[in-house]
Amino acid sequence: MSEVQYSQAGPIGRRMFGQLRLFEPAQGQTVLEPTGSGKGYWVGAPGALYDDEADRFYLYYRVREPRPVRGKECHVASSADGVCFQPVWTATQQDLGTTSMERSSLFRTPEGRWRLYLSYVGEDAQWRIDYIEADRPERFDVRARRPVFRAADVDAEGVKDPWVARIGPLYYMLVSYAPRPERLSTQEKGTLHATGDVYNTGLTKSSTGLAISEDGVRWQWLGEVFPPSETGWDSWCARLGSLVYVPPVYLGFYDGAAGVEENYEERCGLAVSTDLWHFRRVTVAGPALTSPHASGCVRYVDGLYARGAYWFYYEFARPDGSHELRVSRVVPK
């Protein structure tokens, strides 16, 4: 297990606040391995949660294989130690009536209800977000899912990869969305959703939007909060996927890419915010977290605090080009 010393407050006497020492992805521990070898075999897109009442870790993840299979199934798993997980719930492509599913956000409400904010490709071949609610994760029923956002709801071409947190009295949702292109030919318009993944067409970019809610059910879309850079390593994709509160700032982990050719192989950058509306890049010159293997991909980083440490779950490129799911544990001083 990789353990990195971490100071939450920092050396306050020297006026250094909100300090965080990052983990080393290559030193993390493997949680799950892909089903095959080579590019396109991925397991990851994690959504992590710790249930302090049960003293157990819960983890959403999806299993993907190369086209034409794509995201074939997703799971919610439970663990006593945060490393060895056993599935308690599974949904397949057939269950959802989809060609693929991606990152989803697991959440437990103050009332004790469990929710899964699920992203998948709908019948219209566009990415969308629904939610499922139950008294236990084992009892999630995809037949009872309800819509949160469709692409048209936010004037976009796709919405996916939600990350949900409750901060004060409000729920916040970070969303990866594909802005609607301003100028497309008739032929290009016809190909936007032909493959069921607008993000992989090169006709639009991957940006981050924000939505808020009083109950986690009815959401208000606030718009774009973290767009791709004008130039550089994250000028095509800037997918802000999770936040860790390091007083007095929120540290955001985001997936960046310079072009559509790096789609699925993004690397992790950092941003900071004090209000969840204005985010400033920390990693302007290049990514902060990478794999030493293949494409260098480290993406979908999700962090939680449990048992006196921070646990970071992430998708990590292997030497053969496949991706595995890893965890790194960061211990406060």
C-alpha atoms as a PDB file:
ATOM      1  CA  MET A   1       0.000   0.000   0.000  1.00  0.00           C
ATOM      2  CA  SER A   2       1.391   3.397  -0.947  1.00  0.00           C
ATOM      3  CA  GLU A   3       1.338   5.815   1.992  1.00  0.00           C
ATOM      4  CA  VAL A   4       2.248   9.489   1.590  1.00  0.00           C
ATOM      5  CA  GLN A   5       2.585  11.835   4.527  1.00  0.00           C
ATOM      6  CA  TYR A   6       0.046  14.627   4.320  1.00  0.00           C
ATOM      7  CA  SER A   7      -0.489  17.776   6.340  1.00  0.00           C
ATOM      8  CA  GLN A   8      -4.058  19.055   6.266  1.00  0.00           C
ATOM      9  CA  ALA A   9      -3.406  22.447   7.811  1.00  0.00           C
ATOM     10  CA  GLY A  10       0.170  22.868   6.671  1.00  0.00           C
ATOM     11  CA  PRO A  11       2.847  24.856   8.546  1.00  0.00           C
ATOM     12  CA  ILE A  12       0.502  27.663   9.554  1.00  0.00           C
ATOM     13  CA  GLY A  13       3.233  29.660  11.256  1.00  0.00           C
ATOM     14  CA  ARG A  14       4.850  30.147   7.841  1.00  0.00           C
ATOM     15  CA  ARG A  15       1.529  31.200   6.273  1.00  0.00           C
ATOM     16  CA  MET A  16       1.147  28.008   4.225  1.00  0.00           C
ATOM     17  CA  PHE A  17      -2.445  26.830   4.113  1.00  0.00           C
ATOM     18  CA  GLY A  18      -4.269  24.016   2.368  1.00  0.00           C
ATOM     19  CA  GLN A  19      -1.113  21.993   1.725  1.00  0.00           C
ATOM     20  CA  LEU A  20      -1.357  18.568   0.079  1.00  0.00           C
ATOM     21  CA  ARG A  21       1.408  16.139  -0.845  1.00  0.00           C
ATOM     22  CA  LEU A  22       0.240  13.998  -3.712  1.00  0.00           C
ATOM     23  CA  PHE A  23       0.368  10.222  -3.898  1.00  0.00           C
ATOM     24  CA  GLU A  24       2.524   8.385  -6.432  1.00  0.00           C
ATOM     25  CA  PRO A  25       0.172   6.423  -8.746  1.00  0.00           C
ATOM     26  CA  ALA A  26       2.765   3.759  -9.575  1.00  0.00           C
ATOM     27  CA  GLN A  27       3.081   2.897  -5.891  1.00  0.00           C
ATOM     28  CA  GLY A  28      -0.644   2.305  -5.436  1.00  0.00           C
ATOM     29  CA  GLN A  29      -2.167  -1.084  -4.805  1.00  0.00           C
ATOM     30  CA  THR A  30      -4.159  -2.965  -7.417  1.00  0.00           C
ATOM     31  CA  VAL A  31      -7.832  -3.309  -6.508  1.00  0.00           C
ATOM     32  CA  LEU A  32      -9.194  -4.838  -9.729  1.00  0.00           C
ATOM     33  CA  GLU A  33      -7.664  -6.023 -12.995  1.00  0.00           C
ATOM     34  CA  PRO A  34      -9.196  -5.750 -16.489  1.00  0.00           C
ATOM     35  CA  THR A  35     -10.758  -8.744 -18.215  1.00  0.00           C
ATOM     36  CA  GLY A  36      -8.170  -8.815 -21.004  1.00  0.00           C
ATOM     37  CA  SER A  37      -4.824  -7.516 -22.227  1.00  0.00           C
ATOM     38  CA  GLY A  38      -4.309  -4.517 -24.481  1.00  0.00           C
ATOM     39  CA  LYS A  39      -5.864  -1.182 -25.354  1.00  0.00           C
ATOM     40  CA  GLY A  40      -9.592  -0.961 -24.672  1.00  0.00           C
ATOM     41  CA  TYR A  41      -9.631  -3.405 -21.761  1.00  0.00           C
ATOM     42  CA  TRP A  42     -10.330  -1.195 -18.762  1.00  0.00           C
ATOM     43  CA  VAL A  43     -11.685  -1.564 -15.276  1.00  0.00           C
ATOM     44  CA  GLY A  44     -12.174   1.632 -13.312  1.00  0.00           C
ATOM     45  CA  ALA A  45     -14.114   4.892 -13.512  1.00  0.00           C
ATOM     46  CA  PRO A  46     -14.504   4.550  -9.722  1.00  0.00           C
ATOM     47  CA  GLY A  47     -17.003   6.234  -7.467  1.00  0.00           C
ATOM     48  CA  ALA A  48     -15.965   5.638  -3.854  1.00  0.00           C
ATOM     49  CA  LEU A  49     -17.849   6.003  -0.562  1.00  0.00           C
ATOM     50  CA  TYR A  50     -17.213   5.112   3.073  1.00  0.00           C
ATOM     51  CA  ASP A  51     -20.153   4.172   5.288  1.00  0.00           C
ATOM     52  CA  ASP A  52     -19.110   5.104   8.828  1.00  0.00           C
ATOM     53  CA  GLU A  53     -22.134   3.378  10.380  1.00  0.00           C
ATOM     54  CA  ALA A  54     -21.244   0.010   8.874  1.00  0.00           C
ATOM     55  CA  ASP A  55     -17.494   0.769   8.880  1.00  0.00           C
ATOM     56  CA  ARG A  56     -17.245  -0.410   5.279  1.00  0.00           C
ATOM     57  CA  PHE A  57     -16.020   0.947   1.963  1.00  0.00           C
ATOM     58  CA  TYR A  58     -18.232   0.951  -1.108  1.00  0.00           C
ATOM     59  CA  LEU A  59     -17.036   1.307  -4.660  1.00  0.00           C
ATOM     60  CA  TYR A  60     -18.764   1.764  -7.996  1.00  0.00           C
ATOM     61  CA  TYR A  61     -16.766   0.688 -11.055  1.00  0.00           C
ATOM     62  CA  ARG A  62     -17.398  -0.229 -14.680  1.00  0.00           C
ATOM     63  CA  VAL A  63     -15.864  -2.976 -16.789  1.00  0.00           C
ATOM     64  CA  ARG A  64     -15.051  -2.153 -20.419  1.00  0.00           C
ATOM     65  CA  GLU A  65     -13.751  -4.142 -23.384  1.00  0.00           C
ATOM     66  CA  PRO A  66     -12.745  -3.005 -26.904  1.00  0.00           C
ATOM     67  CA  ARG A  67     -15.400  -2.057 -29.439  1.00  0.00           C
ATOM     68  CA  PRO A  68     -17.928  -3.230 -30.300  1.00  0.00           C
ATOM     69  CA  VAL A  69     -18.421  -4.293 -26.648  1.00  0.00           C
ATOM     70  CA  ARG A  70     -17.464  -1.020 -24.835  1.00  0.00           C
ATOM     71  CA  GLY A  71     -18.774  -0.580 -21.262  1.00  0.00           C
ATOM     72  CA  LYS A  72     -20.285  -4.021 -20.711  1.00  0.00           C
ATOM     73  CA  GLU A  73     -21.255  -3.936 -17.027  1.00  0.00           C
ATOM     74  CA  CYS A  74     -21.036  -1.895 -13.851  1.00  0.00           C
ATOM     75  CA  HIS A  75     -20.824  -2.962 -10.231  1.00  0.00           C
ATOM     76  CA  VAL A  76     -21.144  -1.697  -6.690  1.00  0.00           C
ATOM     77  CA  ALA A  77     -18.799  -3.565  -4.360  1.00  0.00           C
ATOM     78  CA  SER A  78     -18.193  -3.603  -0.615  1.00  0.00           C
ATOM     79  CA  SER A  79     -14.973  -3.948   1.375  1.00  0.00           C
ATOM     80  CA  ALA A  80     -13.864  -4.189   4.985  1.00  0.00           C
ATOM     81  CA  ASP A  81     -10.335  -2.940   4.287  1.00  0.00           C
ATOM     82  CA  GLY A  82     -10.715  -0.605   1.300  1.00  0.00           C
ATOM     83  CA  VAL A  83      -8.658  -2.870  -0.962  1.00  0.00           C
ATOM     84  CA  CYS A  84     -10.392  -6.232  -1.355  1.00  0.00           C
ATOM     85  CA  PHE A  85     -13.898  -5.657  -2.727  1.00  0.00           C
ATOM     86  CA  GLN A  86     -16.780  -8.045  -3.315  1.00  0.00           C
ATOM     87  CA  PRO A  87     -19.608  -7.072  -5.701  1.00  0.00           C
ATOM     88  CA  VAL A  88     -23.024  -6.585  -4.088  1.00  0.00           C
ATOM     89  CA  TRP A  89     -24.827  -5.251  -7.190  1.00  0.00           C
ATOM     90  CA  THR A  90     -24.356  -5.547 -10.950  1.00  0.00           C
ATOM     91  CA  ALA A  91     -25.999  -4.049 -14.033  1.00  0.00           C
ATOM     92  CA  THR A  92     -25.249  -5.104 -17.610  1.00  0.00           C
ATOM     93  CA  GLN A  93     -25.739  -3.445 -20.982  1.00  0.00           C
ATOM     94  CA  GLN A  94     -28.868  -5.509 -21.407  1.00  0.00           C
ATOM     95  CA  ASP A  95     -30.252  -4.391 -18.033  1.00  0.00           C
ATOM     96  CA  LEU A  96     -29.854  -0.732 -19.006  1.00  0.00           C
ATOM     97  CA  GLY A  97     -30.675  -1.123 -22.681  1.00  0.00           C
ATOM     98  CA  THR A  98     -27.425   0.672 -23.507  1.00  0.00           C
ATOM     99  CA  THR A  99     -24.342   0.350 -25.669  1.00  0.00           C
ATOM    100  CA  SER A 100     -22.067   1.557 -22.871  1.00  0.00           C
ATOM    101  CA  MET A 101     -21.913   2.926 -19.334  1.00  0.00           C
ATOM    102  CA  GLU A 102     -19.250   5.050 -17.686  1.00  0.00           C
ATOM    103  CA  ARG A 103     -18.358   6.689 -14.366  1.00  0.00           C
ATOM    104  CA  SER A 104     -21.169   7.019 -11.792  1.00  0.00           C
ATOM    105  CA  SER A 105     -21.416   8.584  -8.344  1.00  0.00           C
ATOM    106  CA  LEU A 106     -22.432   6.652  -5.241  1.00  0.00           C
ATOM    107  CA  PHE A 107     -24.039   8.651  -2.426  1.00  0.00           C
ATOM    108  CA  ARG A 108     -25.771   8.070   0.924  1.00  0.00           C
ATOM    109  CA  THR A 109     -28.260  10.743   1.982  1.00  0.00           C
ATOM    110  CA  PRO A 110     -28.533  12.205   5.505  1.00  0.00           C
ATOM    111  CA  GLU A 111     -31.746  10.163   5.834  1.00  0.00           C
ATOM    112  CA  GLY A 112     -29.821   6.946   5.177  1.00  0.00           C
ATOM    113  CA  ARG A 113     -31.041   6.327   1.620  1.00  0.00           C
ATOM    114  CA  TRP A 114     -28.552   5.168  -0.999  1.00  0.00           C
ATOM    115  CA  ARG A 115     -28.356   6.718  -4.462  1.00  0.00           C
ATOM    116  CA  LEU A 116     -26.418   5.911  -7.577  1.00  0.00           C
ATOM    117  CA  TYR A 117     -26.107   8.723 -10.126  1.00  0.00           C
ATOM    118  CA  LEU A 118     -25.572   6.628 -13.229  1.00  0.00           C
ATOM    119  CA  SER A 119     -24.164   7.692 -16.621  1.00  0.00           C
ATOM    120  CA  TYR A 120     -24.812   5.645 -19.744  1.00  0.00           C
ATOM    121  CA  VAL A 121     -25.707   5.941 -23.432  1.00  0.00           C
ATOM    122  CA  GLY A 122     -29.465   6.312 -23.938  1.00  0.00           C
ATOM    123  CA  GLU A 123     -31.699   5.058 -26.719  1.00  0.00           C
ATOM    124  CA  ASP A 124     -30.933   8.231 -28.691  1.00  0.00           C
ATOM    125  CA  ALA A 125     -27.202   7.304 -28.695  1.00  0.00           C
ATOM    126  CA  GLN A 126     -26.428  10.261 -26.404  1.00  0.00           C
ATOM    127  CA  TRP A 127     -24.802  10.139 -22.981  1.00  0.00           C
ATOM    128  CA  ARG A 128     -27.215  10.885 -20.119  1.00  0.00           C
ATOM    129  CA  ILE A 129     -27.405  10.783 -16.300  1.00  0.00           C
ATOM    130  CA  ASP A 130     -30.121   9.022 -14.256  1.00  0.00           C
ATOM    131  CA  TYR A 131     -30.367   8.125 -10.602  1.00  0.00           C
ATOM    132  CA  ILE A 132     -31.463   5.039  -8.683  1.00  0.00           C
ATOM    133  CA  GLU A 133     -32.448   5.042  -5.015  1.00  0.00           C
ATOM    134  CA  ALA A 134     -32.798   2.217  -2.478  1.00  0.00           C
ATOM    135  CA  ASP A 135     -32.399   1.477   1.205  1.00  0.00           C
ATOM    136  CA  ARG A 136     -29.304  -0.631   0.433  1.00  0.00           C
ATOM    137  CA  PRO A 137     -26.950  -0.747  -2.584  1.00  0.00           C
ATOM    138  CA  GLU A 138     -27.838  -4.409  -3.035  1.00  0.00           C
ATOM    139  CA  ARG A 139     -31.400  -3.332  -3.804  1.00  0.00           C
ATOM    140  CA  PHE A 140     -30.691  -0.872  -6.610  1.00  0.00           C
ATOM    141  CA  ASP A 141     -33.125  -1.578  -9.441  1.00  0.00           C
ATOM    142  CA  VAL A 142     -32.302  -0.038 -12.833  1.00  0.00           C
ATOM    143  CA  ARG A 143     -35.950  -0.446 -13.867  1.00  0.00           C
ATOM    144  CA  ALA A 144     -36.794   2.260 -11.313  1.00  0.00           C
ATOM    145  CA  ARG A 145     -34.185   4.764 -12.512  1.00  0.00           C
ATOM    146  CA  ARG A 146     -35.255   8.367 -13.010  1.00  0.00           C
ATOM    147  CA  PRO A 147     -33.719  11.046 -15.235  1.00  0.00           C
ATOM    148  CA  VAL A 148     -31.376  13.709 -13.900  1.00  0.00           C
ATOM    149  CA  PHE A 149     -29.970  15.241 -17.080  1.00  0.00           C
ATOM    150  CA  ARG A 150     -30.245  14.531 -20.759  1.00  0.00           C
ATOM    151  CA  ALA A 151     -27.945  16.358 -23.163  1.00  0.00           C
ATOM    152  CA  ALA A 152     -30.754  18.619 -24.391  1.00  0.00           C
ATOM    153  CA  ASP A 153     -31.469  19.720 -20.806  1.00  0.00           C
ATOM    154  CA  VAL A 154     -28.163  21.604 -20.737  1.00  0.00           C
ATOM    155  CA  ASP A 155     -28.010  22.537 -24.430  1.00  0.00           C
ATOM    156  CA  ALA A 156     -25.213  20.048 -25.035  1.00  0.00           C
ATOM    157  CA  GLU A 157     -24.467  16.922 -27.046  1.00  0.00           C
ATOM    158  CA  GLY A 158     -23.719  14.676 -24.068  1.00  0.00           C
ATOM    159  CA  VAL A 159     -23.651  14.569 -20.253  1.00  0.00           C
ATOM    160  CA  LYS A 160     -21.881  11.934 -18.180  1.00  0.00           C
ATOM    161  CA  ASP A 161     -19.441  11.109 -15.367  1.00  0.00           C
ATOM    162  CA  PRO A 162     -21.255  12.822 -12.459  1.00  0.00           C
ATOM    163  CA  TRP A 163     -19.612  13.409  -9.085  1.00  0.00           C
ATOM    164  CA  VAL A 164     -21.954  14.336  -6.228  1.00  0.00           C
ATOM    165  CA  ALA A 165     -21.281  15.812  -2.782  1.00  0.00           C
ATOM    166  CA  ARG A 166     -23.373  17.560  -0.156  1.00  0.00           C
ATOM    167  CA  ILE A 167     -21.753  20.782   1.043  1.00  0.00           C
ATOM    168  CA  GLY A 168     -23.719  22.665   3.660  1.00  0.00           C
ATOM    169  CA  PRO A 169     -27.438  22.519   2.807  1.00  0.00           C
ATOM    170  CA  LEU A 170     -26.935  21.911  -0.933  1.00  0.00           C
ATOM    171  CA  TYR A 171     -26.006  19.060  -3.204  1.00  0.00           C
ATOM    172  CA  TYR A 172     -23.360  19.786  -5.838  1.00  0.00           C
ATOM    173  CA  MET A 173     -22.841  17.783  -9.013  1.00  0.00           C
ATOM    174  CA  LEU A 174     -19.819  18.060 -11.274  1.00  0.00           C
ATOM    175  CA  VAL A 175     -20.691  16.896 -14.796  1.00  0.00           C
ATOM    176  CA  SER A 176     -18.623  16.123 -17.858  1.00  0.00           C
ATOM    177  CA  TYR A 177     -20.471  17.569 -20.826  1.00  0.00           C
ATOM    178  CA  ALA A 178     -19.913  18.012 -24.547  1.00  0.00           C
ATOM    179  CA  PRO A 179     -20.694  21.605 -25.607  1.00  0.00           C
ATOM    180  CA  ARG A 180     -22.775  21.951 -28.745  1.00  0.00           C
ATOM    181  CA  PRO A 181     -20.506  22.849 -31.710  1.00  0.00           C
ATOM    182  CA  GLU A 182     -21.250  26.190 -33.356  1.00  0.00           C
ATOM    183  CA  ARG A 183     -20.506  25.260 -36.964  1.00  0.00           C
ATOM    184  CA  LEU A 184     -20.987  21.798 -38.406  1.00  0.00           C
ATOM    185  CA  SER A 185     -21.605  20.602 -41.913  1.00  0.00           C
ATOM    186  CA  THR A 186     -24.656  18.486 -42.668  1.00  0.00           C
ATOM    187  CA  GLN A 187     -22.414  15.430 -42.881  1.00  0.00           C
ATOM    188  CA  GLU A 188     -20.770  16.200 -39.525  1.00  0.00           C
ATOM    189  CA  LYS A 189     -24.151  16.625 -37.846  1.00  0.00           C
ATOM    190  CA  GLY A 190     -25.068  13.180 -39.080  1.00  0.00           C
ATOM    191  CA  THR A 191     -21.985  11.616 -37.500  1.00  0.00           C
ATOM    192  CA  LEU A 192     -22.170  13.292 -34.067  1.00  0.00           C
ATOM    193  CA  HIS A 193     -23.947  10.363 -32.433  1.00  0.00           C
ATOM    194  CA  ALA A 194     -23.426   7.640 -35.021  1.00  0.00           C
ATOM    195  CA  THR A 195     -20.994   5.756 -32.783  1.00  0.00           C
ATOM    196  CA  GLY A 196     -22.834   6.375 -29.503  1.00  0.00           C
ATOM    197  CA  ASP A 197     -19.944   8.441 -28.142  1.00  0.00           C
ATOM    198  CA  VAL A 198     -19.886  12.089 -29.181  1.00  0.00           C
ATOM    199  CA  TYR A 199     -16.751  12.634 -27.080  1.00  0.00           C
ATOM    200  CA  ASN A 200     -14.764  10.402 -29.446  1.00  0.00           C
ATOM    201  CA  THR A 201     -15.730  12.160 -32.686  1.00  0.00           C
ATOM    202  CA  GLY A 202     -13.423  15.178 -32.462  1.00  0.00           C
ATOM    203  CA  LEU A 203     -16.379  17.418 -33.350  1.00  0.00           C
ATOM    204  CA  THR A 204     -16.794  18.765 -29.815  1.00  0.00           C
ATOM    205  CA  LYS A 205     -14.697  19.102 -26.685  1.00  0.00           C
ATOM    206  CA  SER A 206     -15.035  17.742 -23.150  1.00  0.00           C
ATOM    207  CA  SER A 207     -15.778  20.392 -20.528  1.00  0.00           C
ATOM    208  CA  THR A 208     -17.022  20.488 -16.929  1.00  0.00           C
ATOM    209  CA  GLY A 209     -20.322  21.928 -15.745  1.00  0.00           C
ATOM    210  CA  LEU A 210     -21.913  22.363 -12.323  1.00  0.00           C
ATOM    211  CA  ALA A 211     -25.419  21.706 -11.039  1.00  0.00           C
ATOM    212  CA  ILE A 212     -26.921  22.261  -7.574  1.00  0.00           C
ATOM    213  CA  SER A 213     -29.918  20.821  -5.750  1.00  0.00           C
ATOM    214  CA  GLU A 214     -31.701  21.094  -2.415  1.00  0.00           C
ATOM    215  CA  ASP A 215     -32.695  17.425  -2.332  1.00  0.00           C
ATOM    216  CA  GLY A 216     -30.378  15.651  -4.757  1.00  0.00           C
ATOM    217  CA  VAL A 217     -33.322  14.853  -7.032  1.00  0.00           C
ATOM    218  CA  ARG A 218     -34.326  18.119  -8.709  1.00  0.00           C
ATOM    219  CA  TRP A 219     -31.263  19.834 -10.130  1.00  0.00           C
ATOM    220  CA  GLN A 220     -30.501  23.325 -11.410  1.00  0.00           C
ATOM    221  CA  TRP A 221     -27.872  23.535 -14.136  1.00  0.00           C
ATOM    222  CA  LEU A 222     -25.493  26.454 -13.481  1.00  0.00           C
ATOM    223  CA  GLY A 223     -23.331  26.015 -16.554  1.00  0.00           C
ATOM    224  CA  GLU A 224     -19.675  25.654 -17.406  1.00  0.00           C
ATOM    225  CA  VAL A 225     -17.173  26.038 -14.558  1.00  0.00           C
ATOM    226  CA  PHE A 226     -14.014  24.406 -15.917  1.00  0.00           C
ATOM    227  CA  PRO A 227     -13.444  24.503 -19.694  1.00  0.00           C
ATOM    228  CA  PRO A 228     -10.449  23.155 -21.598  1.00  0.00           C
ATOM    229  CA  SER A 229      -7.458  25.475 -21.861  1.00  0.00           C
ATOM    230  CA  GLU A 230      -6.912  27.594 -24.945  1.00  0.00           C
ATOM    231  CA  THR A 231      -3.678  25.712 -25.632  1.00  0.00           C
ATOM    232  CA  GLY A 232      -1.603  23.007 -24.019  1.00  0.00           C
ATOM    233  CA  TRP A 233      -1.899  19.510 -22.657  1.00  0.00           C
ATOM    234  CA  ASP A 234      -5.546  19.956 -21.508  1.00  0.00           C
ATOM    235  CA  SER A 235      -6.874  22.028 -24.426  1.00  0.00           C
ATOM    236  CA  TRP A 236      -9.351  19.402 -25.634  1.00  0.00           C
ATOM    237  CA  CYS A 237     -10.552  17.767 -22.410  1.00  0.00           C
ATOM    238  CA  ALA A 238     -10.883  19.227 -18.908  1.00  0.00           C
ATOM    239  CA  ARG A 239     -13.069  16.793 -16.962  1.00  0.00           C
ATOM    240  CA  LEU A 240     -13.157  17.837 -13.306  1.00  0.00           C
ATOM    241  CA  GLY A 241     -14.054  14.573 -11.620  1.00  0.00           C
ATOM    242  CA  SER A 242     -13.707  14.930  -7.839  1.00  0.00           C
ATOM    243  CA  LEU A 243     -12.896  17.315  -5.000  1.00  0.00           C
ATOM    244  CA  VAL A 244     -11.057  16.984  -1.710  1.00  0.00           C
ATOM    245  CA  TYR A 245     -11.540  19.700   0.892  1.00  0.00           C
ATOM    246  CA  VAL A 246      -8.186  20.871   2.245  1.00  0.00           C
ATOM    247  CA  PRO A 247      -9.092  23.914   4.365  1.00  0.00           C
ATOM    248  CA  PRO A 248      -9.462  26.591   3.213  1.00  0.00           C
ATOM    249  CA  VAL A 249      -9.625  25.346  -0.421  1.00  0.00           C
ATOM    250  CA  TYR A 250     -11.174  22.617  -2.510  1.00  0.00           C
ATOM    251  CA  LEU A 251      -8.575  20.655  -4.452  1.00  0.00           C
ATOM    252  CA  GLY A 252      -9.964  19.290  -7.706  1.00  0.00           C
ATOM    253  CA  PHE A 253      -8.664  16.339  -9.700  1.00  0.00           C
ATOM    254  CA  TYR A 254      -9.364  16.583 -13.404  1.00  0.00           C
ATOM    255  CA  ASP A 255      -8.719  14.509 -16.530  1.00  0.00           C
ATOM    256  CA  GLY A 256      -6.944  16.402 -19.284  1.00  0.00           C
ATOM    257  CA  ALA A 257      -6.133  15.723 -22.939  1.00  0.00           C
ATOM    258  CA  ALA A 258      -4.709  17.769 -25.803  1.00  0.00           C
ATOM    259  CA  GLY A 259      -6.815  16.181 -28.551  1.00  0.00           C
ATOM    260  CA  VAL A 260      -9.375  13.545 -29.390  1.00  0.00           C
ATOM    261  CA  GLU A 261      -6.543  11.090 -30.095  1.00  0.00           C
ATOM    262  CA  GLU A 262      -5.975  11.035 -26.313  1.00  0.00           C
ATOM    263  CA  ASN A 263      -9.611  10.249 -25.567  1.00  0.00           C
ATOM    264  CA  TYR A 264      -9.810   7.348 -23.075  1.00  0.00           C
ATOM    265  CA  GLU A 265      -6.143   7.954 -22.160  1.00  0.00           C
ATOM    266  CA  GLU A 266      -6.390  11.198 -20.192  1.00  0.00           C
ATOM    267  CA  ARG A 267      -3.930  12.172 -17.478  1.00  0.00           C
ATOM    268  CA  CYS A 268      -4.691  13.831 -14.155  1.00  0.00           C
ATOM    269  CA  GLY A 269      -4.314  17.535 -13.452  1.00  0.00           C
ATOM    270  CA  LEU A 270      -5.067  19.688 -10.404  1.00  0.00           C
ATOM    271  CA  ALA A 271      -7.209  22.764  -9.828  1.00  0.00           C
ATOM    272  CA  VAL A 272      -8.195  24.768  -6.740  1.00  0.00           C
ATOM    273  CA  SER A 273     -11.324  26.655  -5.746  1.00  0.00           C
ATOM    274  CA  THR A 274     -12.678  28.470  -2.707  1.00  0.00           C
ATOM    275  CA  ASP A 275     -16.301  28.745  -3.878  1.00  0.00           C
ATOM    276  CA  LEU A 276     -16.914  25.758  -6.248  1.00  0.00           C
ATOM    277  CA  TRP A 277     -17.670  28.224  -9.027  1.00  0.00           C
ATOM    278  CA  HIS A 278     -14.251  29.633  -9.893  1.00  0.00           C
ATOM    279  CA  PHE A 279     -11.492  27.065 -10.439  1.00  0.00           C
ATOM    280  CA  ARG A 280      -7.850  27.889 -11.110  1.00  0.00           C
ATOM    281  CA  ARG A 281      -5.488  25.422 -12.760  1.00  0.00           C
ATOM    282  CA  VAL A 282      -2.443  24.379 -10.775  1.00  0.00           C
ATOM    283  CA  THR A 283      -0.985  22.124 -13.470  1.00  0.00           C
ATOM    284  CA  VAL A 284      -0.600  24.500 -16.421  1.00  0.00           C
ATOM    285  CA  ALA A 285       2.566  23.030 -17.959  1.00  0.00           C
ATOM    286  CA  GLY A 286       1.524  19.384 -17.730  1.00  0.00           C
ATOM    287  CA  PRO A 287      -0.343  16.770 -15.691  1.00  0.00           C
ATOM    288  CA  ALA A 288       0.340  16.116 -12.016  1.00  0.00           C
ATOM    289  CA  LEU A 289      -0.327  12.374 -11.904  1.00  0.00           C
ATOM    290  CA  THR A 290       0.653   9.878 -14.596  1.00  0.00           C
ATOM    291  CA  SER A 291       1.452   6.211 -15.103  1.00  0.00           C
ATOM    292  CA  PRO A 292       4.967   5.238 -16.219  1.00  0.00           C
ATOM    293  CA  HIS A 293       3.406   2.768 -18.646  1.00  0.00           C
ATOM    294  CA  ALA A 294       1.891   2.920 -22.135  1.00  0.00           C
ATOM    295  CA  SER A 295      -0.121   6.163 -22.601  1.00  0.00           C
ATOM    296  CA  GLY A 296       0.694   7.418 -19.090  1.00  0.00           C
ATOM    297  CA  CYS A 297      -3.016   7.460 -18.282  1.00  0.00           C
ATOM    298  CA  VAL A 298      -4.199   8.187 -14.751  1.00  0.00           C
ATOM    299  CA  ARG A 299      -7.838   9.246 -14.733  1.00  0.00           C
ATOM    300  CA  TYR A 300     -11.084   9.267 -12.744  1.00  0.00           C
ATOM    301  CA  VAL A 301      -9.301   9.966  -9.451  1.00  0.00           C
ATOM    302  CA  ASP A 302     -11.810   9.871  -6.575  1.00  0.00           C
ATOM    303  CA  GLY A 303     -10.791  10.601  -2.990  1.00  0.00           C
ATOM    304  CA  LEU A 304     -12.467  10.030   0.367  1.00  0.00           C
ATOM    305  CA  TYR A 305     -11.486  10.384   4.015  1.00  0.00           C
ATOM    306  CA  ALA A 306     -11.860   7.317   6.247  1.00  0.00           C
ATOM    307  CA  ARG A 307     -10.134   5.777   9.257  1.00  0.00           C
ATOM    308  CA  GLY A 308      -7.729   8.660   9.681  1.00  0.00           C
ATOM    309  CA  ALA A 309      -6.476   8.701   6.091  1.00  0.00           C
ATOM    310  CA  TYR A 310      -7.334   9.787   2.564  1.00  0.00           C
ATOM    311  CA  TRP A 311      -8.017   7.007   0.079  1.00  0.00           C
ATOM    312  CA  PHE A 312      -7.603   7.741  -3.623  1.00  0.00           C
ATOM    313  CA  TYR A 313      -9.095   5.368  -6.181  1.00  0.00           C
ATOM    314  CA  TYR A 314      -8.105   5.776  -9.834  1.00  0.00           C
ATOM    315  CA  GLU A 315      -7.795   4.163 -13.253  1.00  0.00           C
ATOM    316  CA  PHE A 316      -4.170   3.387 -14.140  1.00  0.00           C
ATOM    317  CA  ALA A 317      -2.499   2.430 -17.467  1.00  0.00           C
ATOM    318  CA  ARG A 318      -0.639  -0.889 -17.483  1.00  0.00           C
ATOM    319  CA  PRO A 319       2.369  -1.782 -19.685  1.00  0.00           C
ATOM    320  CA  ASP A 320       0.139  -3.626 -22.186  1.00  0.00           C
ATOM    321  CA  GLY A 321      -2.138  -0.585 -22.649  1.00  0.00           C
ATOM    322  CA  SER A 322      -5.015  -1.882 -20.559  1.00  0.00           C
ATOM    323  CA  HIS A 323      -6.221  -0.037 -17.427  1.00  0.00           C
ATOM    324  CA  GLU A 324      -6.580  -1.389 -13.905  1.00  0.00           C
ATOM    325  CA  LEU A 325      -8.220   0.079 -10.797  1.00  0.00           C
ATOM    326  CA  ARG A 326      -5.848   1.126  -8.026  1.00  0.00           C
ATOM    327  CA  VAL A 327      -5.913   2.735  -4.597  1.00  0.00           C
ATOM    328  CA  SER A 328      -3.334   4.897  -2.788  1.00  0.00           C
ATOM    329  CA  ARG A 329      -3.664   5.717   0.905  1.00  0.00           C
ATOM    330  CA  VAL A 330      -2.522   9.106   2.174  1.00  0.00           C
ATOM    331  CA  VAL A 331      -1.932   9.474   5.924  1.00  0.00           C
ATOM    332  CA  PRO A 332      -2.121  12.873   7.718  1.00  0.00           C
ATOM    333  CA  LYS A 333       0.776  13.833   9.921  1.00  0.00           C
END
